[in-house]
Amino acid sequence: MMYAVIPTIVIVILIVARYFWEKVYIRKKNEKIKARIVERKLEGHKELFDNIDGKSLDKQQRMAIVTDESHNLVIAGAGSGKTLTILGKIAYLLKCGILPQEILLIAFTNKSAGELEERVNRNLALGIKAQTFHKLGLDIIIKNTGNRPNVDDKDNMKTYIEDYFSKELIKHHDDVQTFLEFIGCYFNIPIELKADGTLGEKIEKEQHVDLETLSKKYNRITVDEKKTIKGERVKSLEELMIANFFFLNSVEYEYEREYPHPTTDKTRKRYRPDFYIKDYDLYLEHFGIDKNGRCQWLSNIEEKKYVEGIKWKREIHKTNGTKLIETYSYFQTEGKLLQNLKNILLEKNVKLSPITSDKMSSLVKEIQTENANKEFIKLCSTFINLFKSNGYDKSFFATMKEKSSKTNIKNYFNQFNAMRTLLFLNIVEKFIFTTRHGSHKIGQLILAT
């Protein structure tokens, strides 16, 4: 019985081996044939490629033109001759017998489409039109339905959103609170929460983030610019989040107030804790360390100096009997800086209560004049356009909120992003769906298309 089985197994192995050998052999053979065809095309059209718009194409450009697969992806950087290659491709297709009206020339923007069309027709004078993806889609819809859909441009969308935040938002206390919490604590995504973030990116990002606290923004409204009550400008994004959390929860604080007790170490500057919470005589230090108490992004010497500084600060408070609470950078790495801060404050019996409606309204008006608000409007506009183009309805918000809530529970590394998503969804859902029956146009605009 065993002798009868062995030859069968051998036969199967030989069949499989022959199949894969033929597959590899045929593929290599086809590649050689294609290479010969490409070489013949390159040679046959050498005169054409030597003079495209007065320039001679390089080998990569020529290969990109004559390679004729079902799908060709050509990746090229800025200034590498992409437009010249497209001109060459059109000239090549025409020489191969393709009619001008059979060539579809598409660009991403109206500007690039216009420039491309001008260059093509300046040299070839064939009347070939370049258009955007949106224009192509619009033409297809008109041709097949006989009707032109109502397409609202992005400038109108921006105007509608700005109108909502300047006139409608301040009428609703809860919505204002959500908006301020998002702008103050969640608008900027810390580089630590991005999987591909590097220290260089962190430094670059924080150089361009507005590190002015909400407290200062509010005081600029109520007090002379040169004499603010809280004119602080913090040093990091994490400190900004902490300061804004304090302000939004009516926790009176001073930033880097001079420590009242003398220190004996003459090699150090006068000690200024990060935050002092007045009503509770509490000091808060935010230490930039990981879970192992390390600062691995610093050099060995700088890390040692920083860690020794932490120990020195703790000893100062212990010696003088002052109350110190601490937060750490790894709280933010785990996406739970604000939640941990809240828990620490509640343990110390610090009362947290939302700021008054008047303060909120004044702050919203101040924020509307700043870059952060412009970026927020842009974010909302992009979201609405994607929401519309995917044909979503109100159920989308419930689904996304549930997904974010589950993420928050299952993976604490995503708690920051989950909370950020929930706040943003609440803001956008409100002005899309609760205003559609009133005078505001955003909901009407979205639901009508």
Protein backbone atom coordinates (compact mmCIF):
# COMPACT_ATOMS: atom_id res chain seq x y z
CA MET A 1 0.00 0.00 0.00
CA MET A 2 2.81 2.37 0.91
CA TYR A 3 4.64 1.69 -2.39
CA ALA A 4 1.51 2.71 -4.30
CA VAL A 5 1.22 6.02 -2.41
CA ILE A 6 4.83 7.20 -2.88
CA PRO A 7 4.73 7.49 -6.70
CA THR A 8 1.49 9.49 -6.45
CA ILE A 9 3.09 12.01 -4.06
CA VAL A 10 6.13 12.30 -6.32
CA ILE A 11 3.89 12.95 -9.32
CA VAL A 12 2.00 15.69 -7.46
CA ILE A 13 5.27 17.36 -6.40
CA LEU A 14 6.57 17.24 -9.98
CA ILE A 15 3.34 18.75 -11.33
CA VAL A 16 3.44 21.59 -8.80
CA ALA A 17 7.14 22.19 -9.44
CA ARG A 18 6.55 22.28 -13.22
CA TYR A 19 3.66 24.75 -12.74
CA PHE A 20 5.76 27.20 -10.74
CA TRP A 21 8.77 26.74 -13.06
CA GLU A 22 6.63 27.52 -16.10
CA LYS A 23 5.08 30.48 -14.30
CA VAL A 24 8.51 31.96 -13.48
CA TYR A 25 9.85 31.08 -16.93
CA ILE A 26 6.88 32.64 -18.74
CA ARG A 27 7.04 35.75 -16.58
CA LYS A 28 10.73 36.22 -17.32
CA LYS A 29 10.12 35.54 -20.98
CA ASN A 30 7.31 38.13 -21.05
CA GLU A 31 9.53 40.65 -19.31
CA LYS A 32 12.23 40.16 -21.96
CA ILE A 33 9.66 40.59 -24.73
CA LYS A 34 8.30 43.76 -23.10
CA ALA A 35 11.84 45.09 -22.70
CA ARG A 36 12.53 44.53 -26.40
CA ILE A 37 9.25 46.23 -27.34
CA VAL A 38 10.08 49.22 -25.11
CA GLU A 39 13.55 49.48 -26.66
CA ARG A 40 12.07 49.44 -30.16
CA LYS A 41 9.58 52.16 -29.18
CA LEU A 42 12.33 54.28 -27.65
CA GLU A 43 14.44 53.92 -30.78
CA GLY A 44 11.51 54.48 -33.14
CA HIS A 45 10.47 57.72 -31.40
CA LYS A 46 13.93 59.04 -30.59
CA GLU A 47 13.54 62.05 -32.87
CA LEU A 48 10.24 62.95 -31.19
CA PHE A 49 11.63 62.62 -27.65
CA ASP A 50 14.73 64.61 -28.52
CA ASN A 51 12.58 67.72 -28.96
CA ILE A 52 9.57 68.14 -26.69
CA ASP A 53 8.91 71.83 -26.19
CA GLY A 54 12.52 72.49 -27.24
CA LYS A 55 13.95 70.03 -24.70
CA SER A 56 15.30 66.49 -24.87
CA LEU A 57 13.68 64.00 -22.48
CA ASP A 58 15.85 61.86 -20.23
CA LYS A 59 15.62 58.06 -20.16
CA GLN A 60 13.18 57.93 -17.20
CA GLN A 61 10.81 60.36 -18.90
CA ARG A 62 10.94 58.35 -22.13
CA MET A 63 10.32 55.08 -20.27
CA ALA A 64 7.33 56.62 -18.48
CA ILE A 65 5.85 57.60 -21.87
CA VAL A 66 6.29 54.36 -23.84
CA THR A 67 5.52 51.89 -21.03
CA ASP A 68 2.03 50.66 -21.87
CA GLU A 69 0.49 48.66 -19.01
CA SER A 70 -3.16 48.62 -17.89
CA HIS A 71 -2.18 50.96 -15.05
CA ASN A 72 0.98 53.07 -14.95
CA LEU A 73 1.99 54.88 -11.77
CA VAL A 74 4.73 57.47 -12.23
CA ILE A 75 6.07 59.14 -9.07
CA ALA A 76 8.09 62.30 -9.53
CA GLY A 77 9.22 65.14 -7.31
CA ALA A 78 8.99 68.90 -7.77
CA GLY A 79 10.96 70.27 -10.73
CA SER A 80 11.61 66.82 -12.20
CA GLY A 81 9.82 67.51 -15.50
CA LYS A 82 6.33 66.09 -14.90
CA THR A 83 4.56 68.55 -17.21
CA LEU A 84 7.17 68.04 -19.93
CA THR A 85 6.62 64.28 -19.66
CA ILE A 86 2.86 64.77 -20.04
CA LEU A 87 3.47 66.86 -23.16
CA GLY A 88 5.67 64.09 -24.48
CA LYS A 89 3.01 61.47 -23.70
CA ILE A 90 0.37 63.43 -25.63
CA ALA A 91 2.69 63.89 -28.63
CA TYR A 92 3.54 60.17 -28.52
CA LEU A 93 -0.15 59.11 -28.37
CA LEU A 94 -1.02 61.37 -31.29
CA LYS A 95 1.83 59.89 -33.34
CA CYS A 96 0.52 56.41 -32.50
CA GLY A 97 -2.85 57.32 -34.05
CA ILE A 98 -4.86 58.34 -30.96
CA LEU A 99 -7.31 61.16 -31.71
CA PRO A 100 -7.13 64.38 -29.63
CA GLN A 101 -10.73 63.96 -28.41
CA GLU A 102 -9.82 60.50 -27.05
CA ILE A 103 -7.24 61.93 -24.64
CA LEU A 104 -8.42 62.76 -21.10
CA LEU A 105 -6.16 65.25 -19.38
CA ILE A 106 -6.86 65.72 -15.64
CA ALA A 107 -5.24 67.86 -12.92
CA PHE A 108 -6.07 68.39 -9.26
CA THR A 109 -6.68 72.15 -9.26
CA ASN A 110 -8.12 74.69 -11.68
CA LYS A 111 -4.80 76.53 -11.71
CA SER A 112 -2.73 73.47 -12.63
CA ALA A 113 -5.35 72.40 -15.22
CA GLY A 114 -5.21 75.86 -16.82
CA GLU A 115 -1.40 75.87 -16.92
CA LEU A 116 -1.31 72.35 -18.37
CA GLU A 117 -3.89 73.16 -21.04
CA GLU A 118 -2.05 76.35 -22.01
CA ARG A 119 1.28 74.52 -22.45
CA VAL A 120 -0.26 71.64 -24.41
CA ASN A 121 -2.11 73.83 -26.86
CA ARG A 122 0.65 76.42 -27.17
CA ASN A 123 2.92 73.76 -28.60
CA LEU A 124 0.53 71.32 -30.22
CA ALA A 125 -2.47 73.57 -31.03
CA LEU A 126 -4.91 70.64 -30.86
CA GLY A 127 -7.63 72.09 -28.64
CA ILE A 128 -7.11 69.42 -25.94
CA LYS A 129 -8.81 70.52 -22.71
CA ALA A 130 -7.40 69.89 -19.26
CA GLN A 131 -9.89 69.70 -16.40
CA THR A 132 -10.13 68.83 -12.72
CA PHE A 133 -11.62 65.64 -11.29
CA HIS A 134 -14.56 67.69 -10.02
CA LYS A 135 -15.22 69.20 -13.47
CA LEU A 136 -15.09 65.75 -15.08
CA GLY A 137 -17.57 64.39 -12.53
CA LEU A 138 -19.87 67.39 -13.00
CA ASP A 139 -19.84 66.97 -16.79
CA ILE A 140 -20.67 63.27 -16.48
CA ILE A 141 -23.61 64.02 -14.18
CA ILE A 142 -24.96 66.73 -16.51
CA LYS A 143 -24.58 64.52 -19.58
CA ASN A 144 -26.40 61.56 -18.01
CA THR A 145 -29.12 63.36 -16.03
CA GLY A 146 -29.66 66.47 -18.11
CA ASN A 147 -29.48 68.55 -14.92
CA ARG A 148 -26.71 70.54 -13.30
CA PRO A 149 -26.45 69.79 -9.55
CA ASN A 150 -26.20 72.68 -7.13
CA VAL A 151 -22.54 72.75 -6.07
CA ASP A 152 -21.71 75.21 -3.31
CA ASP A 153 -18.11 76.40 -3.36
CA LYS A 154 -15.76 76.20 -0.40
CA ASP A 155 -15.79 79.96 0.15
CA ASN A 156 -19.54 79.86 0.77
CA MET A 157 -19.10 76.90 3.10
CA LYS A 158 -16.46 78.82 5.04
CA THR A 159 -18.81 81.82 5.30
CA TYR A 160 -21.67 79.67 6.61
CA ILE A 161 -19.44 78.11 9.28
CA GLU A 162 -17.98 81.46 10.36
CA ASP A 163 -21.53 82.82 10.54
CA TYR A 164 -22.57 80.00 12.84
CA PHE A 165 -19.66 80.46 15.25
CA SER A 166 -20.01 84.23 15.36
CA LYS A 167 -23.82 84.42 15.74
CA GLU A 168 -25.35 81.10 16.75
CA LEU A 169 -22.80 79.39 18.99
CA ILE A 170 -22.76 82.00 21.77
CA LYS A 171 -26.52 81.55 22.26
CA HIS A 172 -25.97 78.04 23.65
CA HIS A 173 -23.97 77.72 26.89
CA ASP A 174 -23.23 73.97 26.58
CA ASP A 175 -22.05 74.34 22.98
CA VAL A 176 -19.73 77.21 23.90
CA GLN A 177 -18.25 75.13 26.71
CA THR A 178 -17.60 72.21 24.35
CA PHE A 179 -16.03 74.53 21.77
CA LEU A 180 -13.69 76.16 24.31
CA GLU A 181 -12.65 72.81 25.76
CA PHE A 182 -11.80 71.57 22.25
CA ILE A 183 -9.86 74.72 21.27
CA GLY A 184 -8.14 75.11 24.64
CA CYS A 185 -7.18 71.50 25.38
CA TYR A 186 -7.61 69.27 22.34
CA PHE A 187 -7.15 71.28 19.15
CA ASN A 188 -3.38 70.69 18.90
CA ILE A 189 -2.42 67.03 18.71
CA PRO A 190 0.80 66.44 20.70
CA ILE A 191 3.49 64.84 18.54
CA GLU A 192 3.85 62.09 21.18
CA LEU A 193 0.43 60.73 20.15
CA LYS A 194 1.45 60.32 16.53
CA ALA A 195 3.00 56.96 15.76
CA ASP A 196 5.58 58.48 13.42
CA GLY A 197 6.43 61.47 15.63
CA THR A 198 10.06 62.36 16.29
CA LEU A 199 11.71 64.78 18.67
CA GLY A 200 12.58 67.04 15.74
CA GLU A 201 8.94 67.13 14.67
CA LYS A 202 7.92 67.88 18.26
CA ILE A 203 10.25 70.87 18.45
CA GLU A 204 9.19 72.09 15.00
CA LYS A 205 5.50 71.75 15.83
CA GLU A 206 5.66 73.51 19.18
CA GLN A 207 7.60 76.40 17.64
CA HIS A 208 4.51 77.14 15.54
CA VAL A 209 1.79 76.47 18.14
CA ASP A 210 0.12 79.43 19.80
CA LEU A 211 1.22 78.91 23.42
CA GLU A 212 -0.81 81.83 24.73
CA THR A 213 -3.25 80.59 27.37
CA LEU A 214 -7.01 81.16 27.35
CA SER A 215 -6.54 83.19 30.53
CA LYS A 216 -4.37 85.70 28.71
CA LYS A 217 -6.76 85.82 25.75
CA TYR A 218 -9.61 86.65 28.11
CA ASN A 219 -7.64 89.25 30.04
CA ARG A 220 -6.64 90.95 26.79
CA ILE A 221 -10.35 91.65 26.27
CA THR A 222 -11.02 93.01 29.75
CA VAL A 223 -7.77 94.77 30.63
CA ASP A 224 -5.37 97.09 28.86
CA GLU A 225 -3.02 95.09 26.60
CA LYS A 226 0.10 96.34 28.40
CA LYS A 227 -1.21 95.52 31.86
CA THR A 228 -2.82 92.11 31.81
CA ILE A 229 -3.91 90.30 34.96
CA LYS A 230 -2.46 87.01 33.67
CA GLY A 231 -0.07 87.82 30.89
CA GLU A 232 1.67 84.47 30.90
CA ARG A 233 2.92 82.63 27.87
CA VAL A 234 3.76 79.02 28.69
CA LYS A 235 6.73 77.02 27.48
CA SER A 236 5.14 73.83 26.11
CA LEU A 237 1.97 72.37 24.67
CA GLU A 238 1.43 70.25 27.78
CA GLU A 239 1.66 73.30 30.06
CA LEU A 240 -0.78 75.08 27.72
CA MET A 241 -3.29 72.26 28.18
CA ILE A 242 -2.92 72.39 31.96
CA ALA A 243 -3.30 76.20 32.11
CA ASN A 244 -6.36 76.12 29.85
CA PHE A 245 -7.88 73.32 31.93
CA PHE A 246 -7.48 75.48 35.03
CA PHE A 247 -9.08 78.48 33.33
CA LEU A 248 -12.04 76.56 31.91
CA ASN A 249 -12.71 75.03 35.33
CA SER A 250 -12.42 78.31 37.30
CA VAL A 251 -9.24 77.27 39.10
CA GLU A 252 -7.33 80.44 39.99
CA TYR A 253 -3.60 79.96 39.35
CA GLU A 254 -0.35 81.82 38.81
CA TYR A 255 2.17 80.65 36.27
CA GLU A 256 5.81 80.45 37.41
CA ARG A 257 5.22 82.53 40.51
CA GLU A 258 8.37 83.01 42.56
CA TYR A 259 8.61 80.49 45.40
CA PRO A 260 8.22 82.41 48.70
CA HIS A 261 10.86 80.49 50.68
CA PRO A 262 14.60 81.07 50.14
CA THR A 263 16.71 78.27 48.67
CA THR A 264 20.26 77.58 49.79
CA ASP A 265 21.63 76.29 46.47
CA LYS A 266 23.49 79.25 44.96
CA THR A 267 24.12 77.38 41.70
CA ARG A 268 20.44 77.48 40.81
CA LYS A 269 18.17 80.32 39.75
CA ARG A 270 15.41 81.52 42.04
CA TYR A 271 12.86 78.69 42.14
CA ARG A 272 9.61 79.26 40.20
CA PRO A 273 7.22 76.27 40.27
CA ASP A 274 5.21 75.79 37.09
CA PHE A 275 1.82 76.57 38.66
CA TYR A 276 0.56 77.89 41.98
CA ILE A 277 -3.13 77.26 42.79
CA LYS A 278 -4.00 80.21 45.02
CA ASP A 279 -7.13 79.20 46.89
CA TYR A 280 -5.69 75.86 47.97
CA ASP A 281 -2.04 76.85 48.51
CA LEU A 282 -0.98 74.10 46.10
CA TYR A 283 2.03 73.99 43.80
CA LEU A 284 2.00 71.93 40.61
CA GLU A 285 5.09 70.87 38.75
CA HIS A 286 4.80 69.28 35.31
CA PHE A 287 7.86 67.08 34.83
CA GLY A 288 8.92 66.02 31.32
CA ILE A 289 9.76 62.43 32.19
CA ASP A 290 8.65 59.00 30.99
CA LYS A 291 7.20 56.23 33.14
CA ASN A 292 10.68 55.16 34.23
CA GLY A 293 11.60 58.66 35.40
CA ARG A 294 13.85 59.17 32.38
CA CYS A 295 14.29 61.99 29.84
CA GLN A 296 15.78 59.89 27.07
CA TRP A 297 15.43 62.65 24.48
CA LEU A 298 18.10 64.64 26.37
CA SER A 299 21.83 64.02 26.36
CA ASN A 300 23.16 61.98 29.29
CA ILE A 301 24.50 65.11 31.01
CA GLU A 302 21.31 67.11 30.49
CA GLU A 303 19.14 64.19 31.59
CA LYS A 304 21.13 63.78 34.80
CA LYS A 305 20.84 67.50 35.47
CA TYR A 306 17.05 67.48 34.85
CA VAL A 307 16.41 64.45 37.08
CA GLU A 308 18.52 65.97 39.87
CA GLY A 309 16.44 69.14 39.50
CA ILE A 310 13.26 67.13 40.10
CA LYS A 311 14.70 65.66 43.28
CA TRP A 312 15.83 69.13 44.40
CA LYS A 313 12.35 70.61 43.88
CA ARG A 314 10.70 67.80 45.81
CA GLU A 315 13.15 68.28 48.68
CA ILE A 316 12.49 72.05 48.72
CA HIS A 317 8.75 71.49 49.23
CA LYS A 318 9.39 68.80 51.84
CA THR A 319 11.76 71.07 53.78
CA ASN A 320 9.40 74.04 53.76
CA GLY A 321 6.19 72.06 54.29
CA THR A 322 4.58 73.32 51.06
CA LYS A 323 2.15 71.10 49.18
CA LEU A 324 3.33 69.83 45.81
CA ILE A 325 1.35 67.88 43.23
CA GLU A 326 2.95 66.49 40.08
CA THR A 327 2.01 65.64 36.52
CA TYR A 328 4.28 64.01 33.95
CA SER A 329 4.84 63.95 30.20
CA TYR A 330 4.05 60.26 30.08
CA PHE A 331 0.49 61.11 31.15
CA GLN A 332 0.16 62.84 27.79
CA THR A 333 1.98 60.05 25.94
CA GLU A 334 -0.74 57.76 27.28
CA GLY A 335 -3.38 60.28 26.21
CA LYS A 336 -4.71 60.96 29.71
CA LEU A 337 -2.98 64.10 30.98
CA LEU A 338 -6.18 66.06 31.59
CA GLN A 339 -8.06 63.14 33.12
CA ASN A 340 -5.20 62.44 35.53
CA LEU A 341 -4.93 66.14 36.35
CA LYS A 342 -8.63 66.24 37.12
CA ASN A 343 -8.36 63.20 39.41
CA ILE A 344 -5.36 64.67 41.25
CA LEU A 345 -7.16 67.98 41.82
CA LEU A 346 -10.33 66.29 43.07
CA GLU A 347 -8.26 64.21 45.50
CA LYS A 348 -6.95 67.51 46.90
CA ASN A 349 -10.56 68.78 47.17
CA VAL A 350 -10.01 71.45 44.50
CA LYS A 351 -13.41 72.63 43.29
CA LEU A 352 -13.89 72.47 39.53
CA SER A 353 -16.70 74.51 37.98
CA PRO A 354 -17.20 75.85 34.42
CA ILE A 355 -16.46 79.53 33.81
CA THR A 356 -19.41 81.91 33.53
CA SER A 357 -21.41 82.41 30.34
CA ASP A 358 -20.15 85.99 30.02
CA LYS A 359 -16.54 84.84 30.16
CA MET A 360 -17.25 82.13 27.61
CA SER A 361 -18.91 84.53 25.17
CA SER A 362 -16.09 87.07 25.44
CA LEU A 363 -13.51 84.36 24.92
CA VAL A 364 -15.26 82.95 21.85
CA LYS A 365 -15.28 86.42 20.27
CA GLU A 366 -11.57 86.84 20.99
CA ILE A 367 -10.70 83.41 19.56
CA GLN A 368 -12.56 84.25 16.34
CA THR A 369 -9.86 86.78 15.45
CA GLU A 370 -7.00 84.27 15.71
CA ASN A 371 -5.29 81.68 13.53
CA ALA A 372 -6.53 78.80 15.67
CA ASN A 373 -10.10 79.68 14.75
CA LYS A 374 -9.19 79.87 11.04
CA GLU A 375 -7.65 76.40 11.26
CA PHE A 376 -10.71 75.14 13.10
CA ILE A 377 -13.02 76.56 10.40
CA LYS A 378 -10.88 74.82 7.77
CA LEU A 379 -11.11 71.54 9.72
CA CYS A 380 -14.91 71.84 9.91
CA SER A 381 -15.17 72.66 6.21
CA THR A 382 -13.08 69.64 5.24
CA PHE A 383 -15.17 67.40 7.51
CA ILE A 384 -18.46 68.66 6.03
CA ASN A 385 -17.25 68.15 2.46
CA LEU A 386 -16.20 64.57 3.25
CA PHE A 387 -19.46 64.00 5.14
CA LYS A 388 -21.44 65.12 2.08
CA SER A 389 -19.38 63.27 -0.53
CA ASN A 390 -19.74 59.97 1.35
CA GLY A 391 -23.51 60.35 1.64
CA TYR A 392 -23.58 60.07 5.43
CA ASP A 393 -26.61 60.90 7.57
CA LYS A 394 -27.17 61.54 11.28
CA SER A 395 -26.57 57.87 12.15
CA PHE A 396 -22.91 58.41 11.22
CA PHE A 397 -22.39 60.52 14.36
CA ALA A 398 -23.85 57.89 16.67
CA THR A 399 -21.63 55.22 15.09
CA MET A 400 -18.47 57.31 15.37
CA LYS A 401 -19.19 58.34 18.96
CA GLU A 402 -19.71 54.72 19.96
CA LYS A 403 -16.48 53.74 18.24
CA SER A 404 -14.57 56.53 20.01
CA SER A 405 -16.05 55.55 23.39
CA LYS A 406 -14.97 51.94 22.92
CA THR A 407 -11.49 53.06 21.92
CA ASN A 408 -11.33 55.14 25.08
CA ILE A 409 -12.10 52.08 27.22
CA LYS A 410 -9.99 49.47 25.43
CA ASN A 411 -6.83 51.41 24.65
CA TYR A 412 -5.69 54.09 27.06
CA PHE A 413 -3.05 55.26 24.59
CA ASN A 414 -5.92 56.67 22.50
CA GLN A 415 -7.83 58.42 25.27
CA PHE A 416 -6.73 61.87 24.14
CA ASN A 417 -7.70 61.26 20.51
CA ALA A 418 -10.98 59.61 21.56
CA MET A 419 -11.96 62.62 23.68
CA ARG A 420 -10.85 64.99 20.93
CA THR A 421 -13.02 63.11 18.43
CA LEU A 422 -16.07 63.10 20.71
CA LEU A 423 -15.84 66.84 21.34
CA PHE A 424 -15.43 67.62 17.64
CA LEU A 425 -18.33 65.36 16.65
CA ASN A 426 -20.57 67.05 19.22
CA ILE A 427 -19.68 70.48 17.84
CA VAL A 428 -20.18 69.58 14.17
CA GLU A 429 -23.32 67.53 14.73
CA LYS A 430 -24.90 70.43 16.59
CA PHE A 431 -24.49 72.99 13.85
CA ILE A 432 -25.40 70.55 11.06
CA PHE A 433 -28.58 69.10 12.50
CA THR A 434 -29.96 71.39 15.20
CA THR A 435 -29.99 74.47 12.97
CA ARG A 436 -31.40 72.96 9.79
CA HIS A 437 -34.98 74.03 10.51
CA GLY A 438 -33.98 77.54 11.55
CA SER A 439 -32.38 80.45 9.79
CA HIS A 440 -28.91 78.96 9.65
CA LYS A 441 -27.89 77.56 6.28
CA ILE A 442 -25.30 74.86 7.02
CA GLY A 443 -27.80 72.13 7.81
CA GLN A 444 -29.94 73.09 4.80
CA LEU A 445 -26.86 73.10 2.59
CA ILE A 446 -25.72 69.64 3.65
CA LEU A 447 -29.08 67.90 3.72
CA ALA A 448 -30.14 69.37 0.37
CA THR A 449 -27.27 67.89 -1.58
